[in-house]
Amino acid sequence: MKKTVLSLLLAATAFSSHADMLLGADVEMNLWQQDYQFNGIDNGDEMTYTVEASLEHPIPLVPNVKLAQSSADADNFEYTKQDFTLYYEILDNDLVSIDVGAGLTRLFDAKVNTQTFDGYLPHVYGAAELGIPATPLFLFAKGWAFSYDDYDMSDLSAGIQYEIGMGLFDIELQAGYRVQKFDLDDFDHINLDSEAKGVFAGVNLDF
């Protein structure tokens, strides 16, 4: 019995010490200072928050999962944008990381003037990180996009991160610039020509 307990303890210790090799996750939270345009005209400004979460694993051919949410609250339009993305890491080392994938974007709690709307769009996704050698800094860029017929969407951001190693996880302080655009004709019976853009800052917890 003692040998069994000892074996289980050793196995649990080994699993814990190598858990990051089996599963990885990150949670990102930002404050985004948005300047709005509607039909090409200034439409107010607002500070909102954004959230992203990813789960990665080593199983071949099975994609990783990312969830993201942001919102806009302009004078003539508002929405919550939610992205569900399946993606693959096609390159991942200490200097360069590249992800590609696809998924669905949902717009809800949304309206243009007094007209409400709700609906889904497909999207493609890409992300890249470039480490600056001999520093805890790296540059990043990522985005969701879709264009077909009368529907165009892009949500692009780029910035810089500072990594602080904490042992079991890393804290990454980040800042950058984000631009989110929609040009949708007859999307759930409404037309939306909008832009939300501005600087953001926040933190990413990388497990």
N, C-alpha and C. Protein backbone atom coordinates (compact mmCIF):
# COMPACT_ATOMS: atom_id res chain seq x y z
N MET A 1 0.83 -1.21 0.00
CA MET A 1 0.00 0.00 0.00
C MET A 1 0.86 1.25 0.00
N LYS A 2 1.91 1.26 0.85
CA LYS A 2 2.80 2.42 0.91
C LYS A 2 3.48 2.63 -0.42
N LYS A 3 3.88 1.51 -1.07
CA LYS A 3 4.54 1.64 -2.37
C LYS A 3 3.57 2.21 -3.42
N THR A 4 2.29 1.79 -3.32
CA THR A 4 1.29 2.30 -4.26
C THR A 4 1.08 3.79 -4.09
N VAL A 5 0.96 4.24 -2.83
CA VAL A 5 0.77 5.66 -2.55
C VAL A 5 1.96 6.46 -3.03
N LEU A 6 3.19 5.93 -2.76
CA LEU A 6 4.40 6.62 -3.19
C LEU A 6 4.44 6.73 -4.72
N SER A 7 4.05 5.65 -5.39
CA SER A 7 4.04 5.68 -6.86
C SER A 7 3.06 6.71 -7.40
N LEU A 8 1.88 6.79 -6.76
CA LEU A 8 0.88 7.77 -7.18
C LEU A 8 1.37 9.19 -6.95
N LEU A 9 2.03 9.43 -5.81
CA LEU A 9 2.56 10.76 -5.53
C LEU A 9 3.61 11.16 -6.54
N LEU A 10 4.50 10.21 -6.87
CA LEU A 10 5.54 10.49 -7.84
C LEU A 10 4.93 10.77 -9.22
N ALA A 11 3.90 9.99 -9.57
CA ALA A 11 3.25 10.20 -10.86
C ALA A 11 2.55 11.55 -10.90
N ALA A 12 1.89 11.93 -9.79
CA ALA A 12 1.21 13.22 -9.74
C ALA A 12 2.20 14.36 -9.85
N THR A 13 3.36 14.22 -9.17
CA THR A 13 4.39 15.25 -9.24
C THR A 13 4.93 15.39 -10.66
N ALA A 14 5.15 14.26 -11.29
CA ALA A 14 5.66 14.30 -12.67
C ALA A 14 4.64 14.92 -13.61
N PHE A 15 3.35 14.57 -13.41
CA PHE A 15 2.32 15.15 -14.26
C PHE A 15 2.22 16.65 -14.07
N SER A 16 2.28 17.09 -12.81
CA SER A 16 2.18 18.52 -12.53
C SER A 16 3.33 19.29 -13.15
N SER A 17 4.54 18.73 -13.04
CA SER A 17 5.72 19.45 -13.54
C SER A 17 5.74 19.52 -15.05
N HIS A 18 5.00 18.61 -15.72
CA HIS A 18 5.01 18.60 -17.19
C HIS A 18 3.64 18.92 -17.77
N ALA A 19 2.74 19.48 -16.93
CA ALA A 19 1.39 19.75 -17.41
C ALA A 19 1.38 20.73 -18.57
N ASP A 20 2.31 21.70 -18.53
CA ASP A 20 2.33 22.69 -19.60
C ASP A 20 2.73 22.10 -20.93
N MET A 21 3.37 20.88 -20.90
CA MET A 21 3.72 20.21 -22.14
C MET A 21 2.49 19.52 -22.73
N LEU A 22 1.47 19.22 -21.88
CA LEU A 22 0.29 18.52 -22.33
C LEU A 22 -0.82 19.49 -22.72
N LEU A 23 -1.04 20.51 -21.90
CA LEU A 23 -2.08 21.50 -22.15
C LEU A 23 -1.53 22.89 -21.90
N GLY A 24 -1.97 23.84 -22.69
CA GLY A 24 -1.61 25.23 -22.48
C GLY A 24 -2.84 26.09 -22.59
N ALA A 25 -2.85 27.20 -21.90
CA ALA A 25 -4.00 28.10 -21.94
C ALA A 25 -3.53 29.52 -21.72
N ASP A 26 -4.30 30.47 -22.21
CA ASP A 26 -4.03 31.87 -21.88
C ASP A 26 -5.34 32.64 -21.81
N VAL A 27 -5.33 33.65 -20.97
CA VAL A 27 -6.49 34.53 -20.80
C VAL A 27 -5.99 35.97 -20.95
N GLU A 28 -6.62 36.71 -21.83
CA GLU A 28 -6.18 38.08 -22.15
C GLU A 28 -7.30 39.07 -21.88
N MET A 29 -6.96 40.15 -21.17
CA MET A 29 -7.94 41.21 -20.86
C MET A 29 -7.33 42.56 -21.18
N ASN A 30 -8.09 43.39 -21.90
CA ASN A 30 -7.59 44.70 -22.32
C ASN A 30 -8.65 45.77 -22.12
N LEU A 31 -8.19 46.99 -21.91
CA LEU A 31 -9.02 48.18 -22.02
C LEU A 31 -8.73 48.82 -23.37
N TRP A 32 -9.80 49.13 -24.11
CA TRP A 32 -9.65 49.63 -25.49
C TRP A 32 -10.34 50.99 -25.60
N GLN A 33 -9.57 52.02 -25.91
CA GLN A 33 -10.11 53.35 -26.13
C GLN A 33 -10.55 53.47 -27.59
N GLN A 34 -11.85 53.48 -27.83
CA GLN A 34 -12.38 53.42 -29.18
C GLN A 34 -12.83 54.78 -29.68
N ASP A 35 -12.47 55.10 -30.92
CA ASP A 35 -13.04 56.22 -31.66
C ASP A 35 -13.90 55.63 -32.77
N TYR A 36 -15.14 56.12 -32.90
CA TYR A 36 -16.09 55.51 -33.81
C TYR A 36 -16.33 56.35 -35.06
N GLN A 37 -16.62 55.62 -36.15
CA GLN A 37 -17.15 56.24 -37.35
C GLN A 37 -18.36 55.45 -37.81
N PHE A 38 -19.36 56.18 -38.34
CA PHE A 38 -20.58 55.56 -38.86
C PHE A 38 -20.88 56.20 -40.20
N ASN A 39 -20.92 55.38 -41.25
CA ASN A 39 -21.09 55.89 -42.61
C ASN A 39 -20.03 56.94 -42.95
N GLY A 40 -18.80 56.73 -42.44
CA GLY A 40 -17.68 57.62 -42.74
C GLY A 40 -17.63 58.89 -41.94
N ILE A 41 -18.53 59.05 -40.94
CA ILE A 41 -18.60 60.27 -40.15
C ILE A 41 -18.32 59.94 -38.68
N ASP A 42 -17.60 60.83 -37.99
CA ASP A 42 -17.31 60.62 -36.58
C ASP A 42 -18.60 60.35 -35.81
N ASN A 43 -18.53 59.35 -34.88
CA ASN A 43 -19.74 58.92 -34.20
C ASN A 43 -19.51 58.67 -32.71
N GLY A 44 -18.62 59.48 -32.11
CA GLY A 44 -18.39 59.38 -30.68
C GLY A 44 -17.17 58.56 -30.32
N ASP A 45 -16.99 58.36 -29.04
CA ASP A 45 -15.87 57.55 -28.54
C ASP A 45 -16.28 56.93 -27.21
N GLU A 46 -15.59 55.87 -26.85
CA GLU A 46 -15.92 55.14 -25.63
C GLU A 46 -14.75 54.26 -25.26
N MET A 47 -14.58 53.96 -23.95
CA MET A 47 -13.60 52.98 -23.51
C MET A 47 -14.34 51.70 -23.14
N THR A 48 -13.94 50.58 -23.74
CA THR A 48 -14.56 49.30 -23.46
C THR A 48 -13.48 48.28 -23.09
N TYR A 49 -13.91 47.11 -22.66
CA TYR A 49 -12.96 46.05 -22.35
C TYR A 49 -13.10 44.93 -23.36
N THR A 50 -12.03 44.18 -23.56
CA THR A 50 -12.05 43.00 -24.42
C THR A 50 -11.49 41.82 -23.65
N VAL A 51 -11.95 40.62 -24.01
CA VAL A 51 -11.52 39.39 -23.35
C VAL A 51 -11.24 38.33 -24.40
N GLU A 52 -10.17 37.58 -24.22
CA GLU A 52 -9.87 36.43 -25.07
C GLU A 52 -9.37 35.28 -24.20
N ALA A 53 -9.66 34.06 -24.62
CA ALA A 53 -9.17 32.88 -23.92
C ALA A 53 -8.87 31.79 -24.95
N SER A 54 -7.76 31.09 -24.77
CA SER A 54 -7.35 30.03 -25.69
C SER A 54 -7.00 28.78 -24.92
N LEU A 55 -7.22 27.63 -25.56
CA LEU A 55 -6.82 26.34 -25.01
C LEU A 55 -6.05 25.59 -26.09
N GLU A 56 -4.82 25.16 -25.76
CA GLU A 56 -3.96 24.46 -26.71
C GLU A 56 -3.58 23.09 -26.16
N HIS A 57 -3.35 22.15 -27.06
CA HIS A 57 -3.05 20.77 -26.69
C HIS A 57 -2.10 20.18 -27.73
N PRO A 58 -1.50 19.02 -27.44
CA PRO A 58 -0.54 18.45 -28.39
C PRO A 58 -1.13 17.37 -29.30
N ILE A 59 -2.46 17.21 -29.35
CA ILE A 59 -3.05 16.14 -30.14
C ILE A 59 -2.98 16.48 -31.63
N PRO A 60 -2.33 15.66 -32.43
CA PRO A 60 -2.18 15.96 -33.86
C PRO A 60 -3.53 16.06 -34.56
N LEU A 61 -3.63 16.98 -35.50
CA LEU A 61 -4.78 17.19 -36.38
C LEU A 61 -6.00 17.78 -35.69
N VAL A 62 -6.04 17.79 -34.36
CA VAL A 62 -7.17 18.38 -33.63
C VAL A 62 -6.85 19.85 -33.38
N PRO A 63 -7.70 20.78 -33.82
CA PRO A 63 -7.37 22.20 -33.68
C PRO A 63 -7.47 22.69 -32.24
N ASN A 64 -6.75 23.76 -31.96
CA ASN A 64 -6.88 24.47 -30.71
C ASN A 64 -8.11 25.38 -30.76
N VAL A 65 -8.50 25.92 -29.61
CA VAL A 65 -9.74 26.68 -29.51
C VAL A 65 -9.46 28.07 -28.94
N LYS A 66 -10.06 29.09 -29.54
CA LYS A 66 -9.97 30.45 -29.03
C LYS A 66 -11.36 31.08 -28.99
N LEU A 67 -11.67 31.74 -27.87
CA LEU A 67 -12.89 32.52 -27.72
C LEU A 67 -12.50 33.98 -27.49
N ALA A 68 -13.20 34.90 -28.12
CA ALA A 68 -12.89 36.33 -27.96
C ALA A 68 -14.18 37.13 -27.94
N GLN A 69 -14.18 38.22 -27.16
CA GLN A 69 -15.36 39.08 -27.12
C GLN A 69 -14.94 40.53 -26.99
N SER A 70 -15.60 41.38 -27.76
CA SER A 70 -15.42 42.83 -27.69
C SER A 70 -16.77 43.49 -27.93
N SER A 71 -16.83 44.80 -27.76
CA SER A 71 -18.10 45.49 -27.96
C SER A 71 -17.84 46.91 -28.45
N ALA A 72 -18.90 47.52 -28.98
CA ALA A 72 -18.86 48.92 -29.41
C ALA A 72 -20.14 49.60 -28.93
N ASP A 73 -20.02 50.88 -28.58
CA ASP A 73 -21.16 51.63 -28.07
C ASP A 73 -21.08 53.07 -28.59
N ALA A 74 -21.41 53.23 -29.87
CA ALA A 74 -21.31 54.54 -30.53
C ALA A 74 -22.64 55.28 -30.44
N ASP A 75 -22.67 56.47 -31.02
CA ASP A 75 -23.90 57.27 -30.97
C ASP A 75 -25.02 56.64 -31.78
N ASN A 76 -24.70 56.08 -32.96
CA ASN A 76 -25.74 55.54 -33.85
C ASN A 76 -25.72 54.03 -34.00
N PHE A 77 -24.78 53.36 -33.37
CA PHE A 77 -24.76 51.89 -33.45
C PHE A 77 -24.12 51.32 -32.19
N GLU A 78 -24.44 50.06 -31.94
CA GLU A 78 -23.79 49.32 -30.86
C GLU A 78 -23.89 47.84 -31.16
N TYR A 79 -22.97 47.08 -30.61
CA TYR A 79 -22.99 45.62 -30.79
C TYR A 79 -22.02 44.98 -29.80
N THR A 80 -22.21 43.69 -29.60
CA THR A 80 -21.22 42.84 -28.96
C THR A 80 -20.74 41.85 -30.01
N LYS A 81 -19.45 41.74 -30.17
CA LYS A 81 -18.84 40.83 -31.16
C LYS A 81 -18.21 39.67 -30.42
N GLN A 82 -18.61 38.46 -30.77
CA GLN A 82 -18.10 37.25 -30.14
C GLN A 82 -17.52 36.34 -31.21
N ASP A 83 -16.28 35.89 -31.01
CA ASP A 83 -15.60 35.05 -31.99
C ASP A 83 -15.29 33.68 -31.41
N PHE A 84 -15.66 32.64 -32.16
CA PHE A 84 -15.28 31.27 -31.83
C PHE A 84 -14.38 30.77 -32.94
N THR A 85 -13.14 30.42 -32.61
CA THR A 85 -12.13 30.11 -33.63
C THR A 85 -11.45 28.78 -33.32
N LEU A 86 -11.29 27.95 -34.34
CA LEU A 86 -10.47 26.75 -34.29
C LEU A 86 -9.19 27.05 -35.08
N TYR A 87 -8.03 26.77 -34.49
CA TYR A 87 -6.78 27.16 -35.15
C TYR A 87 -5.67 26.15 -34.89
N TYR A 88 -4.65 26.25 -35.72
CA TYR A 88 -3.46 25.40 -35.59
C TYR A 88 -2.22 26.28 -35.40
N GLU A 89 -1.29 25.81 -34.59
CA GLU A 89 0.03 26.43 -34.51
C GLU A 89 0.90 25.83 -35.59
N ILE A 90 1.23 26.61 -36.60
CA ILE A 90 2.06 26.06 -37.67
C ILE A 90 3.55 26.33 -37.42
N LEU A 91 3.84 27.20 -36.45
CA LEU A 91 5.22 27.46 -36.05
C LEU A 91 5.20 27.96 -34.61
N ASP A 92 6.06 27.40 -33.77
CA ASP A 92 6.06 27.81 -32.37
C ASP A 92 7.44 27.54 -31.77
N ASN A 93 8.22 28.60 -31.60
CA ASN A 93 9.51 28.49 -30.92
C ASN A 93 9.74 29.76 -30.10
N ASP A 94 10.93 29.91 -29.53
CA ASP A 94 11.20 31.04 -28.64
C ASP A 94 11.20 32.39 -29.35
N LEU A 95 11.39 32.38 -30.67
CA LEU A 95 11.47 33.64 -31.41
C LEU A 95 10.25 33.92 -32.27
N VAL A 96 9.66 32.88 -32.86
CA VAL A 96 8.57 33.08 -33.81
C VAL A 96 7.42 32.12 -33.52
N SER A 97 6.21 32.66 -33.56
CA SER A 97 5.00 31.85 -33.41
C SER A 97 3.99 32.31 -34.46
N ILE A 98 3.38 31.35 -35.17
CA ILE A 98 2.39 31.66 -36.19
C ILE A 98 1.19 30.72 -36.02
N ASP A 99 -0.02 31.29 -35.96
CA ASP A 99 -1.26 30.53 -35.87
C ASP A 99 -2.15 30.87 -37.06
N VAL A 100 -2.89 29.88 -37.56
CA VAL A 100 -3.89 30.11 -38.60
C VAL A 100 -5.13 29.29 -38.26
N GLY A 101 -6.31 29.82 -38.62
CA GLY A 101 -7.53 29.09 -38.33
C GLY A 101 -8.74 29.74 -38.97
N ALA A 102 -9.91 29.28 -38.54
CA ALA A 102 -11.18 29.78 -39.04
C ALA A 102 -12.26 29.54 -37.99
N GLY A 103 -13.39 30.24 -38.17
CA GLY A 103 -14.46 30.07 -37.20
C GLY A 103 -15.67 30.91 -37.51
N LEU A 104 -16.45 31.23 -36.47
CA LEU A 104 -17.66 32.01 -36.60
C LEU A 104 -17.60 33.25 -35.73
N THR A 105 -18.12 34.35 -36.26
CA THR A 105 -18.30 35.60 -35.52
C THR A 105 -19.79 35.84 -35.34
N ARG A 106 -20.19 36.17 -34.12
CA ARG A 106 -21.58 36.52 -33.86
C ARG A 106 -21.67 37.98 -33.43
N LEU A 107 -22.64 38.71 -33.98
CA LEU A 107 -22.97 40.06 -33.53
C LEU A 107 -24.32 39.99 -32.82
N PHE A 108 -24.38 40.45 -31.56
CA PHE A 108 -25.63 40.42 -30.81
C PHE A 108 -25.68 41.61 -29.86
N ASP A 109 -26.80 41.73 -29.13
CA ASP A 109 -27.05 42.95 -28.35
C ASP A 109 -26.75 44.16 -29.23
N ALA A 110 -27.26 44.11 -30.46
CA ALA A 110 -26.81 45.04 -31.50
C ALA A 110 -27.97 45.87 -32.05
N LYS A 111 -27.64 47.09 -32.45
CA LYS A 111 -28.64 47.91 -33.12
C LYS A 111 -27.96 49.00 -33.94
N VAL A 112 -28.67 49.44 -34.99
CA VAL A 112 -28.31 50.62 -35.76
C VAL A 112 -29.46 51.60 -35.60
N ASN A 113 -29.17 52.73 -34.99
CA ASN A 113 -30.22 53.67 -34.59
C ASN A 113 -31.23 52.92 -33.71
N THR A 114 -32.46 52.73 -34.16
CA THR A 114 -33.44 52.01 -33.33
C THR A 114 -33.68 50.58 -33.81
N GLN A 115 -32.99 50.16 -34.87
CA GLN A 115 -33.20 48.83 -35.43
C GLN A 115 -32.25 47.82 -34.77
N THR A 116 -32.78 46.76 -34.23
CA THR A 116 -31.96 45.72 -33.61
C THR A 116 -31.60 44.66 -34.64
N PHE A 117 -30.49 43.96 -34.40
CA PHE A 117 -30.09 42.88 -35.28
C PHE A 117 -29.24 41.87 -34.53
N ASP A 118 -29.12 40.69 -35.12
CA ASP A 118 -28.37 39.58 -34.52
C ASP A 118 -28.03 38.63 -35.66
N GLY A 119 -26.78 38.18 -35.72
CA GLY A 119 -26.45 37.25 -36.79
C GLY A 119 -25.01 36.76 -36.73
N TYR A 120 -24.67 35.87 -37.65
CA TYR A 120 -23.37 35.20 -37.68
C TYR A 120 -22.66 35.45 -39.00
N LEU A 121 -21.35 35.50 -38.93
CA LEU A 121 -20.48 35.56 -40.10
C LEU A 121 -19.35 34.55 -39.93
N PRO A 122 -18.90 33.91 -41.01
CA PRO A 122 -17.66 33.12 -40.90
C PRO A 122 -16.46 34.05 -40.87
N HIS A 123 -15.32 33.53 -40.46
CA HIS A 123 -14.10 34.34 -40.52
C HIS A 123 -12.88 33.43 -40.67
N VAL A 124 -11.81 34.03 -41.16
CA VAL A 124 -10.49 33.40 -41.10
C VAL A 124 -9.68 34.15 -40.05
N TYR A 125 -8.72 33.45 -39.46
CA TYR A 125 -7.95 34.00 -38.34
C TYR A 125 -6.47 33.78 -38.57
N GLY A 126 -5.67 34.76 -38.18
CA GLY A 126 -4.22 34.62 -38.23
C GLY A 126 -3.57 35.40 -37.11
N ALA A 127 -2.47 34.88 -36.59
CA ALA A 127 -1.74 35.57 -35.52
C ALA A 127 -0.26 35.24 -35.64
N ALA A 128 0.57 36.21 -35.28
CA ALA A 128 2.03 36.02 -35.32
C ALA A 128 2.67 36.77 -34.16
N GLU A 129 3.72 36.16 -33.60
CA GLU A 129 4.52 36.80 -32.56
C GLU A 129 6.00 36.70 -32.95
N LEU A 130 6.73 37.77 -32.69
CA LEU A 130 8.16 37.81 -33.00
C LEU A 130 8.91 38.29 -31.77
N GLY A 131 9.72 37.42 -31.21
CA GLY A 131 10.51 37.77 -30.03
C GLY A 131 11.70 38.64 -30.39
N ILE A 132 12.03 39.58 -29.51
CA ILE A 132 13.23 40.40 -29.68
C ILE A 132 14.35 39.73 -28.90
N PRO A 133 15.38 39.23 -29.57
CA PRO A 133 16.42 38.44 -28.89
C PRO A 133 17.04 39.16 -27.70
N ALA A 134 17.31 38.38 -26.65
CA ALA A 134 17.98 38.84 -25.42
C ALA A 134 17.15 39.85 -24.64
N THR A 135 15.84 39.89 -24.89
CA THR A 135 14.95 40.78 -24.13
C THR A 135 13.67 40.01 -23.80
N PRO A 136 12.88 40.49 -22.82
CA PRO A 136 11.58 39.89 -22.54
C PRO A 136 10.47 40.49 -23.39
N LEU A 137 10.83 41.16 -24.48
CA LEU A 137 9.87 41.84 -25.34
C LEU A 137 9.58 41.03 -26.61
N PHE A 138 8.35 41.11 -27.07
CA PHE A 138 8.07 40.58 -28.40
C PHE A 138 6.93 41.37 -29.04
N LEU A 139 6.93 41.39 -30.36
CA LEU A 139 5.91 42.07 -31.15
C LEU A 139 4.84 41.06 -31.55
N PHE A 140 3.61 41.54 -31.69
CA PHE A 140 2.54 40.64 -32.10
C PHE A 140 1.57 41.34 -33.05
N ALA A 141 0.90 40.52 -33.83
CA ALA A 141 -0.17 40.99 -34.71
C ALA A 141 -1.17 39.85 -34.87
N LYS A 142 -2.45 40.19 -34.96
CA LYS A 142 -3.47 39.16 -35.14
C LYS A 142 -4.72 39.78 -35.73
N GLY A 143 -5.59 38.92 -36.27
CA GLY A 143 -6.80 39.47 -36.84
C GLY A 143 -7.79 38.40 -37.28
N TRP A 144 -9.06 38.84 -37.34
CA TRP A 144 -10.16 38.07 -37.89
C TRP A 144 -10.69 38.83 -39.10
N ALA A 145 -11.03 38.14 -40.16
CA ALA A 145 -11.50 38.84 -41.36
C ALA A 145 -12.42 37.95 -42.18
N PHE A 146 -13.30 38.63 -42.96
CA PHE A 146 -14.20 37.93 -43.88
C PHE A 146 -14.66 38.92 -44.93
N SER A 147 -14.74 38.46 -46.18
CA SER A 147 -15.23 39.31 -47.26
C SER A 147 -15.89 38.43 -48.31
N TYR A 148 -17.19 38.70 -48.53
CA TYR A 148 -17.91 37.97 -49.58
C TYR A 148 -19.16 38.75 -49.94
N ASP A 149 -19.35 38.99 -51.23
CA ASP A 149 -20.55 39.65 -51.72
C ASP A 149 -20.73 41.01 -51.02
N ASP A 150 -21.82 41.18 -50.24
CA ASP A 150 -22.09 42.46 -49.58
C ASP A 150 -21.65 42.48 -48.12
N TYR A 151 -20.86 41.50 -47.71
CA TYR A 151 -20.42 41.41 -46.32
C TYR A 151 -18.90 41.55 -46.25
N ASP A 152 -18.45 42.54 -45.50
CA ASP A 152 -17.02 42.71 -45.25
C ASP A 152 -16.80 42.97 -43.77
N MET A 153 -15.84 42.28 -43.20
CA MET A 153 -15.50 42.45 -41.79
C MET A 153 -13.99 42.32 -41.64
N SER A 154 -13.41 43.16 -40.80
CA SER A 154 -12.00 43.00 -40.42
C SER A 154 -11.83 43.49 -38.99
N ASP A 155 -10.99 42.78 -38.25
CA ASP A 155 -10.70 43.11 -36.85
C ASP A 155 -9.23 42.82 -36.65
N LEU A 156 -8.40 43.87 -36.73
CA LEU A 156 -6.95 43.71 -36.76
C LEU A 156 -6.31 44.47 -35.61
N SER A 157 -5.28 43.88 -35.02
CA SER A 157 -4.55 44.55 -33.94
C SER A 157 -3.08 44.19 -34.00
N ALA A 158 -2.26 45.08 -33.46
CA ALA A 158 -0.81 44.87 -33.41
C ALA A 158 -0.27 45.62 -32.21
N GLY A 159 0.83 45.11 -31.65
CA GLY A 159 1.39 45.79 -30.48
C GLY A 159 2.66 45.12 -29.99
N ILE A 160 2.97 45.39 -28.73
CA ILE A 160 4.18 44.89 -28.10
C ILE A 160 3.84 44.33 -26.72
N GLN A 161 4.53 43.28 -26.32
CA GLN A 161 4.32 42.66 -25.02
C GLN A 161 5.63 42.57 -24.24
N TYR A 162 5.49 42.65 -22.91
CA TYR A 162 6.62 42.48 -21.99
C TYR A 162 6.30 41.29 -21.11
N GLU A 163 7.15 40.27 -21.16
CA GLU A 163 6.89 39.01 -20.47
C GLU A 163 7.59 38.97 -19.10
N ILE A 164 6.81 38.57 -18.08
CA ILE A 164 7.33 38.39 -16.73
C ILE A 164 7.10 36.94 -16.33
N GLY A 165 8.15 36.16 -16.21
CA GLY A 165 8.04 34.76 -15.84
C GLY A 165 7.70 34.60 -14.37
N MET A 166 6.67 33.78 -14.07
CA MET A 166 6.24 33.57 -12.69
C MET A 166 6.34 32.10 -12.28
N GLY A 167 7.02 31.29 -13.06
CA GLY A 167 7.16 29.88 -12.73
C GLY A 167 6.07 29.05 -13.37
N LEU A 168 4.90 28.96 -12.70
CA LEU A 168 3.81 28.16 -13.23
C LEU A 168 3.12 28.83 -14.41
N PHE A 169 3.24 30.14 -14.52
CA PHE A 169 2.64 30.86 -15.64
C PHE A 169 3.43 32.14 -15.88
N ASP A 170 3.17 32.75 -17.03
CA ASP A 170 3.81 34.02 -17.38
C ASP A 170 2.77 35.13 -17.40
N ILE A 171 3.18 36.31 -16.97
CA ILE A 171 2.36 37.51 -17.09
C ILE A 171 2.93 38.33 -18.23
N GLU A 172 2.09 38.68 -19.19
CA GLU A 172 2.53 39.46 -20.34
C GLU A 172 1.77 40.78 -20.37
N LEU A 173 2.48 41.87 -20.09
CA LEU A 173 1.89 43.19 -20.18
C LEU A 173 1.93 43.65 -21.63
N GLN A 174 0.86 44.23 -22.13
CA GLN A 174 0.81 44.51 -23.55
C GLN A 174 0.10 45.84 -23.84
N ALA A 175 0.44 46.40 -24.99
CA ALA A 175 -0.19 47.62 -25.47
C ALA A 175 -0.12 47.61 -26.99
N GLY A 176 -1.11 48.25 -27.62
CA GLY A 176 -1.11 48.26 -29.07
C GLY A 176 -2.25 49.08 -29.64
N TYR A 177 -2.58 48.79 -30.89
CA TYR A 177 -3.61 49.54 -31.63
C TYR A 177 -4.51 48.54 -32.34
N ARG A 178 -5.83 48.80 -32.30
CA ARG A 178 -6.80 47.86 -32.88
C ARG A 178 -7.79 48.62 -33.76
N VAL A 179 -8.14 48.00 -34.88
CA VAL A 179 -9.13 48.57 -35.81
C VAL A 179 -10.14 47.48 -36.15
N GLN A 180 -11.42 47.78 -35.90
CA GLN A 180 -12.51 46.84 -36.15
C GLN A 180 -13.51 47.49 -37.11
N LYS A 181 -13.71 46.87 -38.29
CA LYS A 181 -14.56 47.47 -39.32
C LYS A 181 -15.64 46.48 -39.76
N PHE A 182 -16.83 47.04 -40.06
CA PHE A 182 -17.92 46.28 -40.66
C PHE A 182 -18.51 47.08 -41.81
N ASP A 183 -18.76 46.39 -42.92
CA ASP A 183 -19.48 46.96 -44.05
C ASP A 183 -20.46 45.88 -44.50
N LEU A 184 -21.66 45.91 -43.91
CA LEU A 184 -22.64 44.85 -44.09
C LEU A 184 -23.91 45.43 -44.69
N ASP A 185 -24.35 44.86 -45.82
CA ASP A 185 -25.59 45.27 -46.47
C ASP A 185 -26.64 44.18 -46.28
N ASP A 186 -27.79 44.57 -45.77
CA ASP A 186 -28.91 43.65 -45.55
C ASP A 186 -28.48 42.48 -44.66
N PHE A 187 -27.83 42.81 -43.55
CA PHE A 187 -27.44 41.80 -42.56
C PHE A 187 -28.53 41.78 -41.50
N ASP A 188 -29.33 40.73 -41.48
CA ASP A 188 -30.50 40.66 -40.60
C ASP A 188 -31.36 41.92 -40.76
N HIS A 189 -31.52 42.34 -42.03
CA HIS A 189 -32.40 43.45 -42.43
C HIS A 189 -31.85 44.84 -42.06
N ILE A 190 -30.57 44.94 -41.75
CA ILE A 190 -29.99 46.26 -41.49
C ILE A 190 -28.74 46.44 -42.35
N ASN A 191 -28.30 47.70 -42.50
CA ASN A 191 -27.03 48.04 -43.13
C ASN A 191 -26.12 48.64 -42.07
N LEU A 192 -24.90 48.14 -41.98
CA LEU A 192 -23.93 48.64 -41.00
C LEU A 192 -22.63 48.99 -41.69
N ASP A 193 -22.25 50.26 -41.64
CA ASP A 193 -20.96 50.73 -42.14
C ASP A 193 -20.28 51.43 -40.97
N SER A 194 -19.44 50.70 -40.24
CA SER A 194 -18.91 51.21 -38.98
C SER A 194 -17.42 50.94 -38.85
N GLU A 195 -16.81 51.71 -37.97
CA GLU A 195 -15.39 51.52 -37.63
C GLU A 195 -15.19 51.88 -36.16
N ALA A 196 -14.46 51.02 -35.46
CA ALA A 196 -14.03 51.30 -34.09
C ALA A 196 -12.52 51.11 -34.05
N LYS A 197 -11.79 52.15 -33.64
CA LYS A 197 -10.33 52.05 -33.67
C LYS A 197 -9.74 52.82 -32.51
N GLY A 198 -8.53 52.41 -32.09
CA GLY A 198 -7.84 53.12 -31.02
C GLY A 198 -6.84 52.25 -30.29
N VAL A 199 -6.18 52.84 -29.32
CA VAL A 199 -5.14 52.15 -28.56
C VAL A 199 -5.78 51.26 -27.50
N PHE A 200 -5.05 50.23 -27.11
CA PHE A 200 -5.49 49.35 -26.03
C PHE A 200 -4.29 48.99 -25.16
N ALA A 201 -4.57 48.58 -23.94
CA ALA A 201 -3.54 48.12 -23.02
C ALA A 201 -4.16 47.10 -22.06
N GLY A 202 -3.34 46.12 -21.66
CA GLY A 202 -3.88 45.12 -20.76
C GLY A 202 -2.85 44.08 -20.38
N VAL A 203 -3.34 42.88 -20.06
CA VAL A 203 -2.47 41.83 -19.56
C VAL A 203 -2.93 40.48 -20.13
N ASN A 204 -1.96 39.63 -20.40
CA ASN A 204 -2.23 38.27 -20.85
C ASN A 204 -1.61 37.30 -19.85
N LEU A 205 -2.39 36.39 -19.31
CA LEU A 205 -1.89 35.34 -18.43
C LEU A 205 -1.70 34.08 -19.24
N ASP A 206 -0.46 33.62 -19.35
CA ASP A 206 -0.10 32.49 -20.21
C ASP A 206 0.30 31.32 -19.32
N PHE A 207 -0.53 30.26 -19.32
CA PHE A 207 -0.30 29.08 -18.47
C PHE A 207 0.36 27.96 -19.25
